[in-house]
Amino acid sequence: QVQLMESGGGVVQAGESLRLSCIVSGLTFDDYAAGWFRQAPGKEREGVSCINWSGTRTAYADSVTGRFTITQANSKNTMYLQMNSLKPSDTATYYCAVDLGVGEYDGCSLDAVDFDYWGQGTQVTVSS
């Protein structure tokens, strides 16, 4: 059974940093990509960043480019999202997800419909 578990959310002030982690279990192959999404109250789920298995391809939403960095530690089945210079507009529940069937060196998607398994989410609140 595939399971994803996020951690690292919290309450911070604008300009501060957080690092989110996502542990993926139950996958016995490496042809998948992983991504981070977020959803604020009353808004649609938004793709934040994604990374392929080899770590050679990443993508970011325009709103976080230059502030957020996605990485993964495949030996630990863990993905990270380093979030710097946080803004109140970054306040949301953050979810990690996996997109199965993506080749090791393929590009990744920021479209939620492409993702197959999801974590329960971790709350990030940025105060001004």
N, C-alpha and C. Protein backbone atom coordinates (compact mmCIF):
# COMPACT_ATOMS: atom_id res chain seq x y z
N GLN A 1 0.85 -1.19 0.00
CA GLN A 1 0.00 0.00 0.00
C GLN A 1 0.88 1.24 0.00
N VAL A 2 0.62 2.13 -0.94
CA VAL A 2 1.40 3.35 -1.04
C VAL A 2 0.92 4.36 0.01
N GLN A 3 1.86 4.91 0.73
CA GLN A 3 1.53 5.92 1.72
C GLN A 3 2.52 7.07 1.64
N LEU A 4 2.03 8.27 1.85
CA LEU A 4 2.86 9.46 1.88
C LEU A 4 2.58 10.20 3.18
N MET A 5 3.63 10.67 3.82
CA MET A 5 3.49 11.35 5.09
C MET A 5 4.29 12.64 5.06
N GLU A 6 3.58 13.76 5.17
CA GLU A 6 4.23 15.06 5.21
C GLU A 6 4.53 15.47 6.65
N SER A 7 5.54 16.32 6.80
CA SER A 7 5.85 16.92 8.09
C SER A 7 6.60 18.22 7.85
N GLY A 8 6.70 19.02 8.90
CA GLY A 8 7.50 20.24 8.81
C GLY A 8 6.71 21.53 8.73
N GLY A 9 5.40 21.43 8.66
CA GLY A 9 4.61 22.65 8.63
C GLY A 9 4.65 23.38 9.96
N GLY A 10 4.13 24.59 9.98
CA GLY A 10 4.11 25.36 11.21
C GLY A 10 3.68 26.78 10.97
N VAL A 11 3.84 27.60 11.99
CA VAL A 11 3.50 29.02 11.93
C VAL A 11 4.79 29.82 11.98
N VAL A 12 4.99 30.67 10.98
CA VAL A 12 6.19 31.50 10.91
C VAL A 12 5.79 32.91 10.52
N GLN A 13 6.74 33.82 10.67
CA GLN A 13 6.51 35.19 10.23
C GLN A 13 7.02 35.37 8.80
N ALA A 14 6.50 36.38 8.15
CA ALA A 14 6.94 36.68 6.79
C ALA A 14 8.45 36.87 6.75
N GLY A 15 9.06 36.29 5.72
CA GLY A 15 10.51 36.38 5.57
C GLY A 15 11.26 35.20 6.14
N GLU A 16 10.61 34.40 6.97
CA GLU A 16 11.26 33.25 7.56
C GLU A 16 11.19 32.04 6.63
N SER A 17 11.77 30.93 7.10
CA SER A 17 11.88 29.72 6.28
C SER A 17 11.27 28.52 6.98
N LEU A 18 10.90 27.54 6.18
CA LEU A 18 10.45 26.23 6.66
C LEU A 18 10.94 25.19 5.67
N ARG A 19 11.13 23.96 6.17
CA ARG A 19 11.44 22.84 5.28
C ARG A 19 10.40 21.76 5.51
N LEU A 20 9.70 21.43 4.45
CA LEU A 20 8.73 20.34 4.50
C LEU A 20 9.39 19.04 4.06
N SER A 21 8.97 17.95 4.66
CA SER A 21 9.45 16.62 4.29
C SER A 21 8.28 15.74 3.91
N CYS A 22 8.54 14.79 3.03
CA CYS A 22 7.52 13.83 2.63
C CYS A 22 8.18 12.47 2.50
N ILE A 23 7.74 11.53 3.31
CA ILE A 23 8.26 10.16 3.24
C ILE A 23 7.28 9.31 2.44
N VAL A 24 7.81 8.63 1.43
CA VAL A 24 7.01 7.78 0.55
C VAL A 24 7.31 6.32 0.88
N SER A 25 6.27 5.55 1.14
CA SER A 25 6.46 4.13 1.41
C SER A 25 5.52 3.31 0.54
N GLY A 26 5.89 2.05 0.32
CA GLY A 26 5.03 1.14 -0.42
C GLY A 26 5.27 1.08 -1.91
N LEU A 27 6.24 1.86 -2.40
CA LEU A 27 6.57 1.81 -3.82
C LEU A 27 7.84 0.98 -4.00
N THR A 28 7.79 0.01 -4.90
CA THR A 28 8.92 -0.88 -5.10
C THR A 28 9.63 -0.63 -6.42
N PHE A 29 9.32 0.45 -7.06
CA PHE A 29 9.97 0.78 -8.32
C PHE A 29 10.33 2.26 -8.27
N ASP A 30 11.11 2.71 -9.26
CA ASP A 30 11.59 4.08 -9.19
C ASP A 30 11.13 4.93 -10.37
N ASP A 31 10.17 4.44 -11.14
CA ASP A 31 9.71 5.28 -12.23
C ASP A 31 8.48 6.06 -11.82
N TYR A 32 8.73 7.03 -10.98
CA TYR A 32 7.66 7.95 -10.62
C TYR A 32 8.26 9.32 -10.34
N ALA A 33 7.44 10.32 -10.43
CA ALA A 33 7.83 11.67 -10.04
C ALA A 33 7.06 12.04 -8.79
N ALA A 34 7.53 13.03 -8.11
CA ALA A 34 6.88 13.48 -6.89
C ALA A 34 6.68 14.98 -6.93
N GLY A 35 5.69 15.44 -6.24
CA GLY A 35 5.41 16.87 -6.27
C GLY A 35 4.81 17.38 -4.99
N TRP A 36 4.86 18.69 -4.86
CA TRP A 36 4.22 19.40 -3.76
C TRP A 36 3.10 20.28 -4.32
N PHE A 37 1.98 20.25 -3.63
CA PHE A 37 0.83 21.07 -3.97
C PHE A 37 0.39 21.80 -2.72
N ARG A 38 -0.41 22.84 -2.91
CA ARG A 38 -0.96 23.54 -1.76
C ARG A 38 -2.38 23.98 -2.06
N GLN A 39 -3.12 24.14 -0.99
CA GLN A 39 -4.50 24.60 -1.12
C GLN A 39 -4.85 25.51 0.04
N ALA A 40 -5.22 26.72 -0.31
CA ALA A 40 -5.67 27.68 0.69
C ALA A 40 -7.19 27.64 0.75
N PRO A 41 -7.77 28.05 1.88
CA PRO A 41 -9.23 28.03 2.01
C PRO A 41 -9.91 28.79 0.89
N GLY A 42 -10.88 28.15 0.26
CA GLY A 42 -11.63 28.81 -0.80
C GLY A 42 -10.94 28.86 -2.14
N LYS A 43 -9.77 28.25 -2.23
CA LYS A 43 -9.02 28.27 -3.49
C LYS A 43 -8.79 26.85 -3.99
N GLU A 44 -8.49 26.74 -5.28
CA GLU A 44 -8.19 25.45 -5.87
C GLU A 44 -6.79 24.98 -5.47
N ARG A 45 -6.60 23.66 -5.55
CA ARG A 45 -5.27 23.12 -5.27
C ARG A 45 -4.31 23.58 -6.35
N GLU A 46 -3.13 24.00 -5.92
CA GLU A 46 -2.14 24.59 -6.82
C GLU A 46 -0.86 23.77 -6.81
N GLY A 47 -0.33 23.48 -7.98
CA GLY A 47 0.96 22.82 -8.07
C GLY A 47 2.08 23.77 -7.69
N VAL A 48 2.92 23.38 -6.77
CA VAL A 48 4.00 24.23 -6.27
C VAL A 48 5.33 23.84 -6.91
N SER A 49 5.65 22.55 -6.86
CA SER A 49 6.94 22.10 -7.40
C SER A 49 6.89 20.60 -7.60
N CYS A 50 7.74 20.11 -8.50
CA CYS A 50 7.83 18.67 -8.72
C CYS A 50 9.26 18.30 -9.08
N ILE A 51 9.55 16.99 -8.97
CA ILE A 51 10.89 16.50 -9.25
C ILE A 51 10.80 15.06 -9.75
N ASN A 52 11.65 14.70 -10.70
CA ASN A 52 11.65 13.32 -11.15
C ASN A 52 12.54 12.47 -10.25
N TRP A 53 12.52 11.15 -10.50
CA TRP A 53 13.21 10.23 -9.60
C TRP A 53 14.72 10.50 -9.56
N SER A 54 15.28 10.82 -10.71
CA SER A 54 16.73 11.03 -10.76
C SER A 54 17.14 12.39 -10.21
N GLY A 55 16.16 13.26 -10.01
CA GLY A 55 16.48 14.61 -9.53
C GLY A 55 17.00 15.52 -10.61
N THR A 56 16.95 15.08 -11.86
CA THR A 56 17.52 15.86 -12.95
C THR A 56 16.55 16.86 -13.55
N ARG A 57 15.29 16.69 -13.26
CA ARG A 57 14.28 17.61 -13.79
C ARG A 57 13.40 18.09 -12.64
N THR A 58 13.21 19.38 -12.57
CA THR A 58 12.31 19.97 -11.58
C THR A 58 11.45 21.03 -12.26
N ALA A 59 10.40 21.41 -11.58
CA ALA A 59 9.54 22.49 -12.07
C ALA A 59 8.98 23.23 -10.87
N TYR A 60 8.72 24.51 -11.07
CA TYR A 60 8.20 25.35 -9.99
C TYR A 60 7.10 26.25 -10.52
N ALA A 61 6.14 26.53 -9.66
CA ALA A 61 5.15 27.55 -9.97
C ALA A 61 5.85 28.91 -9.99
N ASP A 62 5.36 29.80 -10.82
CA ASP A 62 5.97 31.13 -10.91
C ASP A 62 5.99 31.83 -9.55
N SER A 63 4.98 31.59 -8.77
CA SER A 63 4.83 32.29 -7.48
C SER A 63 5.89 31.90 -6.46
N VAL A 64 6.57 30.77 -6.69
CA VAL A 64 7.57 30.32 -5.70
C VAL A 64 8.97 30.24 -6.29
N THR A 65 9.11 30.46 -7.56
CA THR A 65 10.43 30.38 -8.21
C THR A 65 11.41 31.35 -7.56
N GLY A 66 12.56 30.82 -7.23
CA GLY A 66 13.58 31.64 -6.58
C GLY A 66 13.50 31.64 -5.07
N ARG A 67 12.40 31.15 -4.53
CA ARG A 67 12.23 31.10 -3.06
C ARG A 67 12.17 29.68 -2.53
N PHE A 68 11.59 28.77 -3.30
CA PHE A 68 11.42 27.38 -2.88
C PHE A 68 12.38 26.48 -3.66
N THR A 69 12.84 25.42 -3.00
CA THR A 69 13.71 24.44 -3.65
C THR A 69 13.25 23.04 -3.30
N ILE A 70 13.07 22.22 -4.32
CA ILE A 70 12.66 20.83 -4.11
C ILE A 70 13.86 19.92 -4.28
N THR A 71 14.00 18.95 -3.38
CA THR A 71 15.06 17.96 -3.48
C THR A 71 14.49 16.62 -3.03
N GLN A 72 15.27 15.56 -3.31
CA GLN A 72 14.84 14.26 -2.80
C GLN A 72 16.05 13.46 -2.38
N ALA A 73 15.83 12.57 -1.44
CA ALA A 73 16.86 11.63 -0.98
C ALA A 73 16.29 10.24 -1.25
N ASN A 74 16.60 9.70 -2.41
CA ASN A 74 15.96 8.45 -2.82
C ASN A 74 16.30 7.29 -1.90
N SER A 75 17.48 7.33 -1.34
CA SER A 75 17.86 6.25 -0.43
C SER A 75 16.96 6.22 0.78
N LYS A 76 16.32 7.34 1.07
CA LYS A 76 15.44 7.42 2.22
C LYS A 76 13.99 7.54 1.79
N ASN A 77 13.72 7.47 0.47
CA ASN A 77 12.37 7.66 -0.04
C ASN A 77 11.74 8.93 0.50
N THR A 78 12.51 9.98 0.54
CA THR A 78 12.05 11.22 1.13
C THR A 78 12.23 12.38 0.16
N MET A 79 11.26 13.25 0.15
CA MET A 79 11.29 14.45 -0.67
C MET A 79 11.19 15.66 0.26
N TYR A 80 11.86 16.73 -0.12
CA TYR A 80 11.86 17.93 0.70
C TYR A 80 11.42 19.15 -0.11
N LEU A 81 10.88 20.13 0.60
CA LEU A 81 10.60 21.43 0.00
C LEU A 81 11.15 22.48 0.95
N GLN A 82 12.24 23.09 0.55
CA GLN A 82 12.81 24.19 1.31
C GLN A 82 12.12 25.47 0.89
N MET A 83 11.51 26.14 1.85
CA MET A 83 10.74 27.35 1.55
C MET A 83 11.39 28.53 2.27
N ASN A 84 11.93 29.44 1.50
CA ASN A 84 12.57 30.63 2.04
C ASN A 84 11.76 31.87 1.71
N SER A 85 12.04 32.94 2.42
CA SER A 85 11.37 34.23 2.18
C SER A 85 9.86 34.06 2.09
N LEU A 86 9.31 33.38 3.07
CA LEU A 86 7.88 33.07 3.04
C LEU A 86 7.05 34.33 3.11
N LYS A 87 5.91 34.28 2.44
CA LYS A 87 4.97 35.39 2.39
C LYS A 87 3.62 34.94 2.95
N PRO A 88 2.81 35.88 3.42
CA PRO A 88 1.46 35.49 3.88
C PRO A 88 0.68 34.76 2.79
N SER A 89 0.92 35.07 1.53
CA SER A 89 0.22 34.40 0.43
C SER A 89 0.63 32.93 0.28
N ASP A 90 1.69 32.50 0.98
CA ASP A 90 2.08 31.10 0.97
C ASP A 90 1.29 30.26 1.97
N THR A 91 0.47 30.90 2.77
CA THR A 91 -0.33 30.20 3.76
C THR A 91 -1.29 29.23 3.06
N ALA A 92 -1.21 27.96 3.45
CA ALA A 92 -2.03 26.93 2.82
C ALA A 92 -1.73 25.59 3.49
N THR A 93 -2.53 24.60 3.14
CA THR A 93 -2.19 23.22 3.47
C THR A 93 -1.36 22.68 2.32
N TYR A 94 -0.21 22.12 2.65
CA TYR A 94 0.71 21.60 1.64
C TYR A 94 0.62 20.08 1.59
N TYR A 95 0.52 19.56 0.38
CA TYR A 95 0.39 18.13 0.16
C TYR A 95 1.54 17.63 -0.72
N CYS A 96 2.02 16.44 -0.43
CA CYS A 96 2.93 15.80 -1.36
C CYS A 96 2.17 14.69 -2.10
N ALA A 97 2.64 14.37 -3.28
CA ALA A 97 1.96 13.39 -4.12
C ALA A 97 2.96 12.73 -5.05
N VAL A 98 2.59 11.55 -5.57
CA VAL A 98 3.44 10.85 -6.53
C VAL A 98 2.67 10.61 -7.82
N ASP A 99 3.38 10.72 -8.90
CA ASP A 99 2.86 10.53 -10.25
C ASP A 99 3.54 9.29 -10.82
N LEU A 100 2.82 8.16 -10.88
CA LEU A 100 3.40 6.90 -11.30
C LEU A 100 3.63 6.85 -12.80
N GLY A 101 4.60 6.05 -13.20
CA GLY A 101 4.84 5.82 -14.61
C GLY A 101 5.66 6.89 -15.28
N VAL A 102 6.27 7.76 -14.52
CA VAL A 102 7.14 8.79 -15.09
C VAL A 102 8.57 8.25 -15.13
N GLY A 103 9.18 8.29 -16.29
CA GLY A 103 10.53 7.78 -16.44
C GLY A 103 11.52 8.52 -15.57
N GLU A 104 12.58 7.83 -15.25
CA GLU A 104 13.59 8.34 -14.33
C GLU A 104 14.13 9.70 -14.76
N TYR A 105 14.23 9.93 -16.06
CA TYR A 105 14.80 11.19 -16.55
C TYR A 105 13.77 12.07 -17.26
N ASP A 106 12.50 11.70 -17.15
CA ASP A 106 11.44 12.50 -17.76
C ASP A 106 11.16 13.76 -16.96
N GLY A 107 10.49 14.69 -17.60
CA GLY A 107 10.03 15.86 -16.90
C GLY A 107 8.85 15.53 -16.01
N CYS A 108 8.53 16.44 -15.09
CA CYS A 108 7.44 16.20 -14.15
C CYS A 108 6.34 17.23 -14.35
N SER A 109 5.19 16.91 -13.79
CA SER A 109 3.99 17.72 -13.99
C SER A 109 3.62 18.49 -12.74
N LEU A 110 3.00 19.64 -12.92
CA LEU A 110 2.42 20.40 -11.81
C LEU A 110 0.89 20.35 -11.83
N ASP A 111 0.35 19.43 -12.61
CA ASP A 111 -1.10 19.28 -12.71
C ASP A 111 -1.55 18.18 -11.77
N ALA A 112 -2.42 18.53 -10.84
CA ALA A 112 -2.85 17.57 -9.81
C ALA A 112 -3.52 16.33 -10.41
N VAL A 113 -4.13 16.46 -11.56
CA VAL A 113 -4.84 15.31 -12.13
C VAL A 113 -3.89 14.20 -12.55
N ASP A 114 -2.62 14.51 -12.69
CA ASP A 114 -1.63 13.52 -13.10
C ASP A 114 -1.14 12.66 -11.94
N PHE A 115 -1.44 13.06 -10.72
CA PHE A 115 -0.87 12.40 -9.55
C PHE A 115 -1.82 11.34 -8.99
N ASP A 116 -1.20 10.25 -8.52
CA ASP A 116 -1.96 9.05 -8.18
C ASP A 116 -2.18 8.84 -6.68
N TYR A 117 -1.21 9.23 -5.89
CA TYR A 117 -1.31 9.04 -4.44
C TYR A 117 -0.95 10.36 -3.74
N TRP A 118 -1.63 10.60 -2.63
CA TRP A 118 -1.50 11.87 -1.93
C TRP A 118 -1.30 11.64 -0.43
N GLY A 119 -0.58 12.58 0.18
CA GLY A 119 -0.50 12.59 1.63
C GLY A 119 -1.68 13.32 2.23
N GLN A 120 -1.69 13.41 3.55
CA GLN A 120 -2.80 14.04 4.26
C GLN A 120 -2.64 15.55 4.38
N GLY A 121 -1.45 16.05 4.16
CA GLY A 121 -1.22 17.48 4.19
C GLY A 121 -0.62 17.97 5.50
N THR A 122 0.09 19.08 5.40
CA THR A 122 0.65 19.75 6.57
C THR A 122 0.39 21.25 6.42
N GLN A 123 -0.01 21.89 7.51
CA GLN A 123 -0.42 23.28 7.45
C GLN A 123 0.78 24.21 7.56
N VAL A 124 0.83 25.20 6.69
CA VAL A 124 1.83 26.26 6.75
C VAL A 124 1.08 27.59 6.89
N THR A 125 1.41 28.32 7.93
CA THR A 125 0.79 29.62 8.16
C THR A 125 1.88 30.67 8.28
N VAL A 126 1.77 31.70 7.45
CA VAL A 126 2.76 32.77 7.45
C VAL A 126 2.07 34.06 7.87
N SER A 127 2.51 34.62 8.96
CA SER A 127 1.90 35.86 9.45
C SER A 127 2.70 37.07 8.99
N SER A 128 2.00 38.18 8.84
CA SER A 128 2.66 39.40 8.34
C SER A 128 3.25 40.21 9.48
